[in-house]
Every structure is written in structure tokens, then in C-alpha cells.
C-alpha atoms as a PDB file:
ATOM      1  CA  UNK A   1     -14.206  19.771 -11.657  1.00  0.00           C
ATOM      2  CA  UNK A   2     -14.509  21.507  -8.201  1.00  0.00           C
ATOM      3  CA  UNK A   3     -11.730  24.111  -7.254  1.00  0.00           C
ATOM      4  CA  UNK A   4     -10.649  24.767  -3.966  1.00  0.00           C
ATOM      5  CA  UNK A   5      -9.700  27.913  -2.608  1.00  0.00           C
ATOM      6  CA  UNK A   6      -6.396  28.440  -0.760  1.00  0.00           C
ATOM      7  CA  UNK A   7      -8.737  28.911   2.555  1.00  0.00           C
ATOM      8  CA  UNK A   8     -10.844  25.702   2.530  1.00  0.00           C
ATOM      9  CA  UNK A   9      -7.956  23.798   1.320  1.00  0.00           C
ATOM     10  CA  UNK A  10      -6.335  24.673   5.276  1.00  0.00           C
ATOM     11  CA  UNK A  11      -9.795  24.341   7.011  1.00  0.00           C
ATOM     12  CA  UNK A  12     -10.458  20.561   5.188  1.00  0.00           C
ATOM     13  CA  UNK A  13      -6.573  19.596   6.502  1.00  0.00           C
ATOM     14  CA  UNK A  14      -7.390  20.755   9.679  1.00  0.00           C
ATOM     15  CA  UNK A  15     -10.524  18.709   9.589  1.00  0.00           C
ATOM     16  CA  UNK A  16      -8.688  15.615   8.597  1.00  0.00           C
ATOM     17  CA  UNK A  17      -6.221  16.391  11.167  1.00  0.00           C
ATOM     18  CA  UNK A  18      -8.618  17.055  13.726  1.00  0.00           C
ATOM     19  CA  UNK A  19     -10.857  13.656  12.610  1.00  0.00           C
ATOM     20  CA  UNK A  20      -7.084  11.568  13.081  1.00  0.00           C
ATOM     21  CA  UNK A  21      -6.344  13.396  17.071  1.00  0.00           C
ATOM     22  CA  UNK A  22     -10.147  12.286  18.241  1.00  0.00           C
ATOM     23  CA  UNK A  23     -10.190   8.776  16.466  1.00  0.00           C
ATOM     24  CA  UNK A  24      -8.381   6.808  13.100  1.00  0.00           C
ATOM     25  CA  UNK A  25      -9.710   6.961  10.558  1.00  0.00           C
ATOM     26  CA  UNK A  26     -10.304   4.329   7.543  1.00  0.00           C
ATOM     27  CA  UNK A  27      -9.515   5.073   3.873  1.00  0.00           C
ATOM     28  CA  UNK A  28      -9.995   2.765   0.901  1.00  0.00           C
ATOM     29  CA  UNK A  29      -7.145   2.156  -1.754  1.00  0.00           C
ATOM     30  CA  UNK A  30      -8.252   0.997  -4.598  1.00  0.00           C
ATOM     31  CA  UNK A  31      -7.042  -1.940  -5.986  1.00  0.00           C
ATOM     32  CA  UNK A  32      -5.995   0.071  -9.479  1.00  0.00           C
ATOM     33  CA  UNK A  33      -3.614   2.190  -7.429  1.00  0.00           C
ATOM     34  CA  UNK A  34      -1.909  -0.485  -6.094  1.00  0.00           C
ATOM     35  CA  UNK A  35      -1.875  -2.785  -9.191  1.00  0.00           C
ATOM     36  CA  UNK A  36      -0.257   0.164 -11.274  1.00  0.00           C
ATOM     37  CA  UNK A  37       2.736   0.001  -8.840  1.00  0.00           C
ATOM     38  CA  UNK A  38       3.195  -3.920  -8.925  1.00  0.00           C
ATOM     39  CA  UNK A  39       2.689  -3.594 -12.842  1.00  0.00           C
ATOM     40  CA  UNK A  40       5.604  -0.652 -13.050  1.00  0.00           C
ATOM     41  CA  UNK A  41       8.466  -3.113 -12.191  1.00  0.00           C
ATOM     42  CA  UNK A  42      11.137  -2.394 -14.399  1.00  0.00           C
ATOM     43  CA  UNK A  43      12.351  -6.090 -15.358  1.00  0.00           C
ATOM     44  CA  UNK A  44      12.461  -7.877 -18.658  1.00  0.00           C
ATOM     45  CA  UNK A  45      12.247 -11.136 -16.589  1.00  0.00           C
ATOM     46  CA  UNK A  46       8.248 -10.802 -15.862  1.00  0.00           C
ATOM     47  CA  UNK A  47       5.456 -10.508 -17.843  1.00  0.00           C
ATOM     48  CA  UNK A  48       1.993  -9.984 -17.541  1.00  0.00           C
ATOM     49  CA  UNK A  49       1.729  -8.632 -13.644  1.00  0.00           C
ATOM     50  CA  UNK A  50      -1.294  -8.613 -11.851  1.00  0.00           C
ATOM     51  CA  UNK A  51      -2.682  -7.615  -8.723  1.00  0.00           C
ATOM     52  CA  UNK A  52      -5.595  -8.433  -7.067  1.00  0.00           C
ATOM     53  CA  UNK A  53      -7.191  -8.312  -3.454  1.00  0.00           C
ATOM     54  CA  UNK A  54      -8.785 -11.245  -1.839  1.00  0.00           C
ATOM     55  CA  UNK A  55     -10.812 -11.507   1.703  1.00  0.00           C
ATOM     56  CA  UNK A  56      -8.817 -12.068   4.805  1.00  0.00           C
ATOM     57  CA  UNK A  57      -6.380  -9.229   4.155  1.00  0.00           C
ATOM     58  CA  UNK A  58      -4.882 -11.176   1.095  1.00  0.00           C
ATOM     59  CA  UNK A  59      -2.772  -9.860  -1.903  1.00  0.00           C
ATOM     60  CA  UNK A  60      -2.183 -11.678  -5.015  1.00  0.00           C
ATOM     61  CA  UNK A  61       0.650 -10.891  -7.203  1.00  0.00           C
ATOM     62  CA  UNK A  62       0.652 -13.050 -10.162  1.00  0.00           C
ATOM     63  CA  UNK A  63       2.771 -13.022 -13.634  1.00  0.00           C
ATOM     64  CA  UNK A  64       5.260 -14.777 -15.683  1.00  0.00           C
ATOM     65  CA  UNK A  65       8.952 -14.979 -14.536  1.00  0.00           C
ATOM     66  CA  UNK A  66      11.666 -15.933 -17.652  1.00  0.00           C
ATOM     67  CA  UNK A  67      14.030 -19.068 -16.711  1.00  0.00           C
ATOM     68  CA  UNK A  68      14.426 -20.165 -20.112  1.00  0.00           C
ATOM     69  CA  UNK A  69      10.703 -20.026 -20.842  1.00  0.00           C
ATOM     70  CA  UNK A  70       8.241 -18.383 -19.089  1.00  0.00           C
ATOM     71  CA  UNK A  71       6.904 -20.059 -15.933  1.00  0.00           C
ATOM     72  CA  UNK A  72       3.631 -18.800 -14.549  1.00  0.00           C
ATOM     73  CA  UNK A  73       3.499 -17.516 -11.020  1.00  0.00           C
ATOM     74  CA  UNK A  74       1.465 -16.566  -8.089  1.00  0.00           C
ATOM     75  CA  UNK A  75       2.574 -15.204  -4.971  1.00  0.00           C
ATOM     76  CA  UNK A  76       0.021 -14.405  -2.135  1.00  0.00           C
ATOM     77  CA  UNK A  77       0.533 -11.735   0.782  1.00  0.00           C
ATOM     78  CA  UNK A  78      -1.094 -10.954   3.986  1.00  0.00           C
ATOM     79  CA  UNK A  79      -1.358  -7.070   4.228  1.00  0.00           C
ATOM     80  CA  UNK A  80      -1.096  -6.326   7.756  1.00  0.00           C
ATOM     81  CA  UNK A  81      -0.460  -3.079   9.897  1.00  0.00           C
ATOM     82  CA  UNK A  82       3.608  -1.990  10.523  1.00  0.00           C
ATOM     83  CA  UNK A  83       5.453  -2.325  14.418  1.00  0.00           C
ATOM     84  CA  UNK A  84       4.407   0.318  16.855  1.00  0.00           C
ATOM     85  CA  UNK A  85       7.263   3.234  16.055  1.00  0.00           C
ATOM     86  CA  UNK A  86       6.901   2.483  12.360  1.00  0.00           C
ATOM     87  CA  UNK A  87       7.764   5.899  10.639  1.00  0.00           C
ATOM     88  CA  UNK A  88       5.233   6.866   8.452  1.00  0.00           C
ATOM     89  CA  UNK A  89       2.375   5.365   7.121  1.00  0.00           C
ATOM     90  CA  UNK A  90       2.859   1.984   5.389  1.00  0.00           C
ATOM     91  CA  UNK A  91       1.667  -1.716   5.208  1.00  0.00           C
ATOM     92  CA  UNK A  92       3.595  -4.843   5.890  1.00  0.00           C
ATOM     93  CA  UNK A  93       3.237  -7.544   3.248  1.00  0.00           C
ATOM     94  CA  UNK A  94       3.785 -10.834   4.945  1.00  0.00           C
ATOM     95  CA  UNK A  95       4.787 -13.832   2.715  1.00  0.00           C
ATOM     96  CA  UNK A  96       1.812 -16.533   2.982  1.00  0.00           C
ATOM     97  CA  UNK A  97       2.350 -18.514   0.112  1.00  0.00           C
ATOM     98  CA  UNK A  98       3.839 -19.042  -3.745  1.00  0.00           C
ATOM     99  CA  UNK A  99       3.256 -20.831  -6.451  1.00  0.00           C
ATOM    100  CA  UNK A 100       5.890 -22.618  -7.807  1.00  0.00           C
ATOM    101  CA  UNK A 101       7.702 -22.915  -4.343  1.00  0.00           C
ATOM    102  CA  UNK A 102      10.640 -20.464  -5.884  1.00  0.00           C
ATOM    103  CA  UNK A 103       8.421 -17.158  -7.022  1.00  0.00           C
ATOM    104  CA  UNK A 104       8.977 -15.600  -3.696  1.00  0.00           C
ATOM    105  CA  UNK A 105      12.962 -14.589  -4.168  1.00  0.00           C
ATOM    106  CA  UNK A 106      12.012 -13.285  -7.510  1.00  0.00           C
ATOM    107  CA  UNK A 107       9.052 -11.232  -6.793  1.00  0.00           C
ATOM    108  CA  UNK A 108      10.901  -9.725  -3.466  1.00  0.00           C
ATOM    109  CA  UNK A 109      14.093  -8.412  -5.454  1.00  0.00           C
ATOM    110  CA  UNK A 110      11.702  -6.859  -8.358  1.00  0.00           C
ATOM    111  CA  UNK A 111       9.439  -5.113  -6.107  1.00  0.00           C
ATOM    112  CA  UNK A 112      12.453  -4.164  -3.339  1.00  0.00           C
ATOM    113  CA  UNK A 113      13.384  -1.894  -7.045  1.00  0.00           C
ATOM    114  CA  UNK A 114      10.573   0.376  -6.119  1.00  0.00           C
ATOM    115  CA  UNK A 115      11.115   3.134  -4.172  1.00  0.00           C
ATOM    116  CA  UNK A 116       8.243   3.079  -1.867  1.00  0.00           C
ATOM    117  CA  UNK A 117       8.794  -0.724  -1.025  1.00  0.00           C
ATOM    118  CA  UNK A 118      11.482  -1.953   1.649  1.00  0.00           C
ATOM    119  CA  UNK A 119      12.221  -5.648   1.739  1.00  0.00           C
ATOM    120  CA  UNK A 120      12.933  -6.713   5.326  1.00  0.00           C
ATOM    121  CA  UNK A 121      13.324 -10.760   5.298  1.00  0.00           C
ATOM    122  CA  UNK A 122      10.632 -12.514   3.374  1.00  0.00           C
ATOM    123  CA  UNK A 123       8.094  -9.264   3.856  1.00  0.00           C
ATOM    124  CA  UNK A 124       7.961  -5.806   2.399  1.00  0.00           C
ATOM    125  CA  UNK A 125       7.092  -3.060   3.625  1.00  0.00           C
ATOM    126  CA  UNK A 126       5.005  -0.385   1.518  1.00  0.00           C
ATOM    127  CA  UNK A 127       5.207   3.071   2.376  1.00  0.00           C
ATOM    128  CA  UNK A 128       1.750   4.308   0.999  1.00  0.00           C
ATOM    129  CA  UNK A 129       1.743   7.665   1.027  1.00  0.00           C
ATOM    130  CA  UNK A 130       2.008   7.430  -3.149  1.00  0.00           C
ATOM    131  CA  UNK A 131      -1.263   5.784  -3.151  1.00  0.00           C
ATOM    132  CA  UNK A 132      -3.023   7.874  -0.353  1.00  0.00           C
ATOM    133  CA  UNK A 133      -1.930  10.922  -2.379  1.00  0.00           C
ATOM    134  CA  UNK A 134      -3.435   9.146  -5.016  1.00  0.00           C
ATOM    135  CA  UNK A 135      -6.770   9.853  -3.330  1.00  0.00           C
ATOM    136  CA  UNK A 136      -9.188  12.980  -4.056  1.00  0.00           C
ATOM    137  CA  UNK A 137      -9.805  13.465  -1.009  1.00  0.00           C
ATOM    138  CA  UNK A 138      -5.423  13.989   0.154  1.00  0.00           C
ATOM    139  CA  UNK A 139      -4.962  16.773  -2.129  1.00  0.00           C
ATOM    140  CA  UNK A 140      -5.603  18.744   0.944  1.00  0.00           C
ATOM    141  CA  UNK A 141      -3.825  17.241   3.410  1.00  0.00           C
ATOM    142  CA  UNK A 142      -0.783  19.082   4.360  1.00  0.00           C
ATOM    143  CA  UNK A 143       2.592  16.675   3.677  1.00  0.00           C
ATOM    144  CA  UNK A 144       4.091  17.180   6.479  1.00  0.00           C
ATOM    145  CA  UNK A 145       1.372  15.621   8.131  1.00  0.00           C
ATOM    146  CA  UNK A 146       1.778  12.740   6.688  1.00  0.00           C
ATOM    147  CA  UNK A 147       4.987  11.861   8.249  1.00  0.00           C
ATOM    148  CA  UNK A 148       2.570  12.221  11.726  1.00  0.00           C
ATOM    149  CA  UNK A 149       0.192   9.210  10.918  1.00  0.00           C
ATOM    150  CA  UNK A 150       0.966   5.605  11.513  1.00  0.00           C
ATOM    151  CA  UNK A 151      -1.430   2.607  10.391  1.00  0.00           C
ATOM    152  CA  UNK A 152      -3.037   0.803  13.017  1.00  0.00           C
ATOM    153  CA  UNK A 153      -5.297  -1.990  11.476  1.00  0.00           C
ATOM    154  CA  UNK A 154      -5.322  -3.162   7.413  1.00  0.00           C
ATOM    155  CA  UNK A 155      -8.163  -4.864   5.704  1.00  0.00           C
ATOM    156  CA  UNK A 156      -9.272  -5.801   2.964  1.00  0.00           C
ATOM    157  CA  UNK A 157     -12.734  -5.229   0.838  1.00  0.00           C
ATOM    158  CA  UNK A 158     -12.883  -8.309  -1.972  1.00  0.00           C
ATOM    159  CA  UNK A 159     -16.088  -7.209  -3.543  1.00  0.00           C
ATOM    160  CA  UNK A 160     -15.233  -3.304  -3.707  1.00  0.00           C
ATOM    161  CA  UNK A 161     -11.398  -4.550  -4.280  1.00  0.00           C
ATOM    162  CA  UNK A 162     -10.601  -2.228  -1.903  1.00  0.00           C
ATOM    163  CA  UNK A 163      -7.510  -2.131   0.440  1.00  0.00           C
ATOM    164  CA  UNK A 164      -9.289  -0.873   3.658  1.00  0.00           C
ATOM    165  CA  UNK A 165      -6.075   1.134   5.988  1.00  0.00           C
ATOM    166  CA  UNK A 166      -6.934   2.665   9.126  1.00  0.00           C
ATOM    167  CA  UNK A 167      -5.228   5.580   9.957  1.00  0.00           C
ATOM    168  CA  UNK A 168      -4.231   7.443  13.857  1.00  0.00           C
ATOM    169  CA  UNK A 169      -1.875  10.243  14.803  1.00  0.00           C
ATOM    170  CA  UNK A 170       1.170   8.592  16.312  1.00  0.00           C
ATOM    171  CA  UNK A 171       2.311   9.332  19.874  1.00  0.00           C
ATOM    172  CA  UNK A 172       4.460  11.972  19.028  1.00  0.00           C
ATOM    173  CA  UNK A 173       2.081  13.771  16.702  1.00  0.00           C
ATOM    174  CA  UNK A 174      -0.899  14.030  19.629  1.00  0.00           C
END
């Protein structure tokens, strides 16, 4: 593995900041990084949790919920950019469909226990800095830059199993 010297880290971080100032940057977040977050939910009444990326910005969370017996469920979210002015890089997951119909509340409650998730009604706001930190390129990015970055677009690439997040500097960061 190649090691970067402090000067190289500073130059790399500066190049990324300059690219963000000039235009937006599209960052792929692998399905696996997102799935590790979801499967890490500490709830003994849930098991076999899985996350899959689908076309059209869709993210499907499935598993089983104990309600006397184990009941399979599936919850589909549509991933979108948050409203303007939202602090830090985050993605909103709007609830689209649940099977069975009663699955949404317990999935949202379980997700709400996670530090990177914020539940707002029937949607989850995911603060994606942890997913970005897991990317090879993000090591040289100064921590303070994340606070000045916002998400402007969210798409999925189901073939590559990635969430594609477009980042740019916030108005206050320019």
C-alpha cells in the first residue's frame, strides 16, 4: 500500500476542495458500506437484515421481525438529496413501500437508534460522513471540509451496486 507524506496529503485535500469550488464531485458509495451500517442495528427482534441498491434511487432493506413468530419484511426507500441548508453531507431516504404494511414503524425505529440516522416522520436522514470516511480517497480530505459540503444529487447504479452522491460546497463554504 502506498503511503502519502503530509505534504502530499495537503495537496490532495486542496485539489479536492478546489474541484468542489469549481464544480460538483460525484462520489460512489458501495452497497457493502451501506449494508454494514444497516446490519449493525442492535435489535434482537430483527434478524437476517440485508440492504440492496435498485434502479431509480431505490434502496431496499429486508429481513425478519419477531412478532411472536419471525415475519419476513421488505421496506423500499427512495434516496434523494436533502433540502437546501441541511448541515453536512447527508442523504434522505423517503419511505416508498413496505411489505407487510406494518413493517415501516419498526424499521424506522431500529434505524433511528443508529448514530448516523435521524428519523423525521416517515423518512430517514442519513449523515453519510461515515460512509465517505470508508472511501480510499477520503483519507486526505480535511475533516473540516465535510462540514462545508452538501449533497446536491443522489442516484443509484444497480449494476455496480453503488449509491452515487453528488457533493458540492455549501454557499457559506464558497
